[in-house]
């Protein structure tokens, strides 16, 4: 079934974009299902930092907010059993109109 997604807008009717970035280090087989899957890098923050460095180079970021301790759990294992770690910070970028 297809669902129609409605764009998010802020109080001034400007679009709100929400996204996430993850580094796929390679393709492999799932340890739990044996199916082909993507294997992600353990440093969850590396791709986020790379994305924001690139966004800053465009000069299109009006503001950047960093929420410390957004994630309380800072290390663990993903569904495939691979370890991951994070600094727990959430980055929010405001793109200039």
N, C-alpha and C. Protein backbone atom coordinates (compact mmCIF):
# COMPACT_ATOMS: atom_id res chain seq x y z
N UNK A 1 0.84 -1.17 0.00
CA UNK A 1 0.00 0.00 0.00
C UNK A 1 0.89 1.24 0.00
N UNK A 2 0.60 2.19 -0.84
CA UNK A 2 1.34 3.44 -0.89
C UNK A 2 0.68 4.46 0.01
N UNK A 3 1.50 5.18 0.75
CA UNK A 3 0.98 6.24 1.60
C UNK A 3 1.50 7.56 1.05
N UNK A 4 0.66 8.54 1.05
CA UNK A 4 1.09 9.87 0.62
C UNK A 4 1.73 10.57 1.81
N UNK A 5 2.95 11.01 1.64
CA UNK A 5 3.65 11.72 2.69
C UNK A 5 3.37 13.21 2.55
N UNK A 6 3.02 13.83 3.63
CA UNK A 6 2.78 15.26 3.62
C UNK A 6 4.03 15.96 4.15
N UNK A 7 4.48 16.98 3.43
CA UNK A 7 5.71 17.65 3.88
C UNK A 7 5.49 18.35 5.21
N UNK A 8 6.52 18.32 6.03
CA UNK A 8 6.49 19.05 7.29
C UNK A 8 6.81 20.51 7.01
N UNK A 9 6.15 21.39 7.70
CA UNK A 9 6.43 22.81 7.58
C UNK A 9 6.54 23.42 8.97
N UNK A 10 7.31 24.50 9.06
CA UNK A 10 7.45 25.17 10.35
C UNK A 10 6.34 26.21 10.50
N UNK A 11 6.45 27.01 11.55
CA UNK A 11 5.40 28.00 11.85
C UNK A 11 5.23 29.03 10.75
N UNK A 12 6.27 29.26 9.94
CA UNK A 12 6.16 30.24 8.84
C UNK A 12 5.97 29.55 7.49
N UNK A 13 5.51 28.30 7.53
CA UNK A 13 5.20 27.50 6.33
C UNK A 13 6.42 27.15 5.48
N UNK A 14 7.61 27.20 6.08
CA UNK A 14 8.82 26.79 5.37
C UNK A 14 8.98 25.27 5.52
N UNK A 15 9.45 24.59 4.47
CA UNK A 15 9.59 23.13 4.57
C UNK A 15 10.63 22.73 5.61
N UNK A 16 10.37 21.63 6.27
CA UNK A 16 11.27 21.06 7.25
C UNK A 16 11.76 19.73 6.69
N UNK A 17 13.07 19.58 6.55
CA UNK A 17 13.66 18.35 6.04
C UNK A 17 14.28 17.60 7.19
N UNK A 18 14.00 16.30 7.26
CA UNK A 18 14.56 15.46 8.32
C UNK A 18 15.30 14.31 7.65
N UNK A 19 16.51 14.05 8.11
CA UNK A 19 17.27 12.98 7.48
C UNK A 19 18.28 12.38 8.43
N UNK A 20 18.89 11.35 7.96
CA UNK A 20 19.94 10.68 8.71
C UNK A 20 20.98 10.20 7.70
N UNK A 21 22.20 10.04 8.15
CA UNK A 21 23.28 9.57 7.28
C UNK A 21 23.99 8.43 7.98
N UNK A 22 24.31 7.41 7.21
CA UNK A 22 25.02 6.25 7.75
C UNK A 22 26.03 5.80 6.70
N UNK A 23 27.22 5.47 7.11
CA UNK A 23 28.25 5.01 6.19
C UNK A 23 28.12 3.51 6.00
N UNK A 24 27.91 3.09 4.76
CA UNK A 24 27.91 1.67 4.42
C UNK A 24 29.33 1.29 4.04
N UNK A 25 29.98 0.48 4.87
CA UNK A 25 31.38 0.15 4.60
C UNK A 25 31.51 -0.95 3.56
N UNK A 26 30.49 -1.81 3.45
CA UNK A 26 30.50 -2.83 2.41
C UNK A 26 29.19 -3.60 2.44
N UNK A 27 29.04 -4.47 1.48
CA UNK A 27 27.89 -5.37 1.44
C UNK A 27 28.35 -6.70 2.02
N UNK A 28 27.45 -7.39 2.67
CA UNK A 28 27.81 -8.68 3.26
C UNK A 28 26.57 -9.51 3.53
N UNK A 29 26.76 -10.57 4.27
CA UNK A 29 25.65 -11.44 4.63
C UNK A 29 25.25 -11.19 6.07
N UNK A 30 23.96 -11.13 6.30
CA UNK A 30 23.43 -10.96 7.64
C UNK A 30 23.77 -12.18 8.48
N UNK A 31 24.23 -11.96 9.69
CA UNK A 31 24.54 -13.06 10.60
C UNK A 31 23.28 -13.76 11.10
N UNK A 32 22.16 -13.03 11.07
CA UNK A 32 20.93 -13.61 11.61
C UNK A 32 20.06 -14.26 10.55
N UNK A 33 20.06 -13.71 9.31
CA UNK A 33 19.17 -14.26 8.28
C UNK A 33 19.90 -14.92 7.13
N UNK A 34 21.20 -14.63 6.97
CA UNK A 34 21.96 -15.15 5.85
C UNK A 34 21.70 -14.40 4.55
N UNK A 35 20.85 -13.39 4.60
CA UNK A 35 20.52 -12.59 3.42
C UNK A 35 21.59 -11.53 3.17
N UNK A 36 21.65 -11.04 1.94
CA UNK A 36 22.56 -9.94 1.60
C UNK A 36 22.07 -8.67 2.28
N UNK A 37 22.99 -7.96 2.88
CA UNK A 37 22.65 -6.73 3.59
C UNK A 37 23.83 -5.75 3.47
N UNK A 38 23.66 -4.57 3.98
CA UNK A 38 24.76 -3.61 4.01
C UNK A 38 25.36 -3.61 5.41
N UNK A 39 26.67 -3.50 5.47
CA UNK A 39 27.38 -3.47 6.75
C UNK A 39 27.83 -2.04 6.99
N UNK A 40 27.41 -1.50 8.10
CA UNK A 40 27.64 -0.08 8.38
C UNK A 40 28.88 0.11 9.24
N UNK A 41 29.44 1.30 9.15
CA UNK A 41 30.59 1.66 9.97
C UNK A 41 30.17 1.81 11.42
N UNK A 42 31.04 1.49 12.33
CA UNK A 42 30.74 1.54 13.75
C UNK A 42 30.70 2.93 14.35
N UNK A 43 31.40 3.89 13.71
CA UNK A 43 31.41 5.28 14.19
C UNK A 43 30.20 5.99 13.61
N UNK A 44 29.11 5.97 14.34
CA UNK A 44 27.85 6.53 13.87
C UNK A 44 27.97 8.02 13.56
N UNK A 45 28.84 8.74 14.27
CA UNK A 45 28.95 10.18 14.13
C UNK A 45 29.77 10.62 12.92
N UNK A 46 30.60 9.76 12.38
CA UNK A 46 31.51 10.15 11.29
C UNK A 46 30.75 10.67 10.08
N UNK A 47 29.71 9.99 9.66
CA UNK A 47 28.96 10.42 8.47
C UNK A 47 28.18 11.70 8.76
N UNK A 48 27.65 11.83 9.97
CA UNK A 48 26.96 13.07 10.37
C UNK A 48 27.92 14.25 10.29
N UNK A 49 29.12 14.07 10.84
CA UNK A 49 30.11 15.15 10.81
C UNK A 49 30.50 15.50 9.39
N UNK A 50 30.67 14.49 8.54
CA UNK A 50 31.01 14.71 7.13
C UNK A 50 29.90 15.48 6.42
N UNK A 51 28.65 15.09 6.67
CA UNK A 51 27.51 15.77 6.06
C UNK A 51 27.47 17.24 6.45
N UNK A 52 27.65 17.54 7.72
CA UNK A 52 27.59 18.94 8.16
C UNK A 52 28.80 19.75 7.68
N UNK A 53 29.96 19.12 7.53
CA UNK A 53 31.11 19.83 6.93
C UNK A 53 30.77 20.23 5.50
N UNK A 54 30.17 19.32 4.74
CA UNK A 54 29.79 19.63 3.36
C UNK A 54 28.72 20.71 3.31
N UNK A 55 27.74 20.63 4.19
CA UNK A 55 26.68 21.65 4.20
C UNK A 55 27.24 23.03 4.53
N UNK A 56 28.20 23.09 5.46
CA UNK A 56 28.82 24.38 5.80
C UNK A 56 29.55 24.97 4.61
N UNK A 57 30.17 24.14 3.77
CA UNK A 57 30.90 24.62 2.60
C UNK A 57 29.97 25.28 1.58
N UNK A 58 28.69 24.92 1.59
CA UNK A 58 27.74 25.50 0.63
C UNK A 58 27.33 26.91 1.03
N UNK A 59 27.60 27.31 2.26
CA UNK A 59 27.18 28.60 2.81
C UNK A 59 25.65 28.72 2.82
N UNK A 60 24.96 27.59 2.84
CA UNK A 60 23.50 27.62 2.84
C UNK A 60 22.92 27.30 4.22
N UNK A 61 23.78 27.09 5.21
CA UNK A 61 23.28 26.85 6.56
C UNK A 61 23.14 28.17 7.29
N UNK A 62 21.92 28.50 7.66
CA UNK A 62 21.68 29.73 8.41
C UNK A 62 22.09 29.56 9.87
N UNK A 63 21.81 28.37 10.41
CA UNK A 63 22.14 28.08 11.81
C UNK A 63 22.40 26.59 11.98
N UNK A 64 23.15 26.27 13.00
CA UNK A 64 23.36 24.88 13.41
C UNK A 64 23.14 24.80 14.91
N UNK A 65 22.29 23.88 15.32
CA UNK A 65 22.05 23.63 16.74
C UNK A 65 22.58 22.24 17.06
N UNK A 66 23.22 22.12 18.20
CA UNK A 66 23.69 20.82 18.64
C UNK A 66 23.05 20.52 19.98
N UNK A 67 22.36 19.41 20.05
CA UNK A 67 21.70 18.98 21.28
C UNK A 67 22.58 17.91 21.93
N UNK A 68 23.25 18.28 23.01
CA UNK A 68 24.09 17.33 23.74
C UNK A 68 23.23 16.30 24.47
N UNK A 69 23.75 15.10 24.60
CA UNK A 69 23.08 14.01 25.31
C UNK A 69 21.69 13.72 24.79
N UNK A 70 21.49 13.90 23.47
CA UNK A 70 20.20 13.55 22.86
C UNK A 70 19.97 12.05 22.96
N UNK A 71 21.04 11.29 22.71
CA UNK A 71 20.98 9.83 22.85
C UNK A 71 21.67 9.46 24.16
N UNK A 72 20.96 8.77 25.01
CA UNK A 72 21.54 8.35 26.29
C UNK A 72 22.40 7.09 26.14
N UNK A 73 22.00 6.19 25.24
CA UNK A 73 22.78 4.98 24.98
C UNK A 73 23.83 5.35 23.94
N UNK A 74 25.10 5.17 24.26
CA UNK A 74 26.16 5.66 23.39
C UNK A 74 27.00 4.56 22.74
N UNK A 75 26.66 3.32 23.02
CA UNK A 75 27.33 2.22 22.33
C UNK A 75 26.47 0.97 22.43
N UNK A 76 26.69 0.08 21.48
CA UNK A 76 25.92 -1.15 21.48
C UNK A 76 26.24 -1.97 20.24
N UNK A 77 25.31 -2.82 19.87
CA UNK A 77 25.45 -3.63 18.66
C UNK A 77 24.18 -3.48 17.85
N UNK A 78 24.34 -3.42 16.52
CA UNK A 78 23.17 -3.29 15.65
C UNK A 78 22.52 -4.66 15.47
N UNK A 79 21.48 -4.70 14.64
CA UNK A 79 20.74 -5.94 14.42
C UNK A 79 21.59 -7.07 13.87
N UNK A 80 22.66 -6.72 13.16
CA UNK A 80 23.55 -7.74 12.62
C UNK A 80 24.65 -8.15 13.57
N UNK A 81 24.68 -7.53 14.75
CA UNK A 81 25.69 -7.88 15.74
C UNK A 81 26.96 -7.06 15.67
N UNK A 82 27.00 -6.07 14.76
CA UNK A 82 28.20 -5.23 14.64
C UNK A 82 28.18 -4.12 15.69
N UNK A 83 29.33 -3.84 16.30
CA UNK A 83 29.38 -2.79 17.33
C UNK A 83 29.25 -1.40 16.71
N UNK A 84 28.67 -0.49 17.48
CA UNK A 84 28.56 0.92 17.08
C UNK A 84 28.80 1.79 18.31
N UNK A 85 29.17 3.06 18.05
CA UNK A 85 29.33 4.02 19.14
C UNK A 85 29.00 5.42 18.64
N UNK A 86 28.59 6.28 19.56
CA UNK A 86 28.21 7.65 19.23
C UNK A 86 28.58 8.57 20.38
N UNK A 87 28.66 9.86 20.09
CA UNK A 87 28.86 10.85 21.15
C UNK A 87 27.52 11.29 21.75
N UNK A 88 26.42 10.83 21.16
CA UNK A 88 25.10 11.12 21.70
C UNK A 88 24.52 12.46 21.29
N UNK A 89 25.24 13.21 20.45
CA UNK A 89 24.75 14.55 20.08
C UNK A 89 23.86 14.49 18.84
N UNK A 90 22.86 15.35 18.81
CA UNK A 90 21.98 15.52 17.66
C UNK A 90 22.32 16.86 17.01
N UNK A 91 22.58 16.85 15.72
CA UNK A 91 22.84 18.08 14.98
C UNK A 91 21.58 18.48 14.22
N UNK A 92 21.24 19.75 14.29
CA UNK A 92 20.10 20.30 13.57
C UNK A 92 20.62 21.47 12.75
N UNK A 93 20.44 21.40 11.44
CA UNK A 93 20.87 22.47 10.55
C UNK A 93 19.67 23.20 9.98
N UNK A 94 19.74 24.52 9.99
CA UNK A 94 18.68 25.33 9.38
C UNK A 94 19.22 25.85 8.05
N UNK A 95 18.58 25.43 6.98
CA UNK A 95 19.00 25.83 5.64
C UNK A 95 18.43 27.21 5.34
N UNK A 96 19.27 28.09 4.83
CA UNK A 96 18.84 29.47 4.53
C UNK A 96 17.79 29.47 3.43
N UNK A 97 16.82 30.39 3.52
CA UNK A 97 15.79 30.47 2.46
C UNK A 97 16.38 30.91 1.14
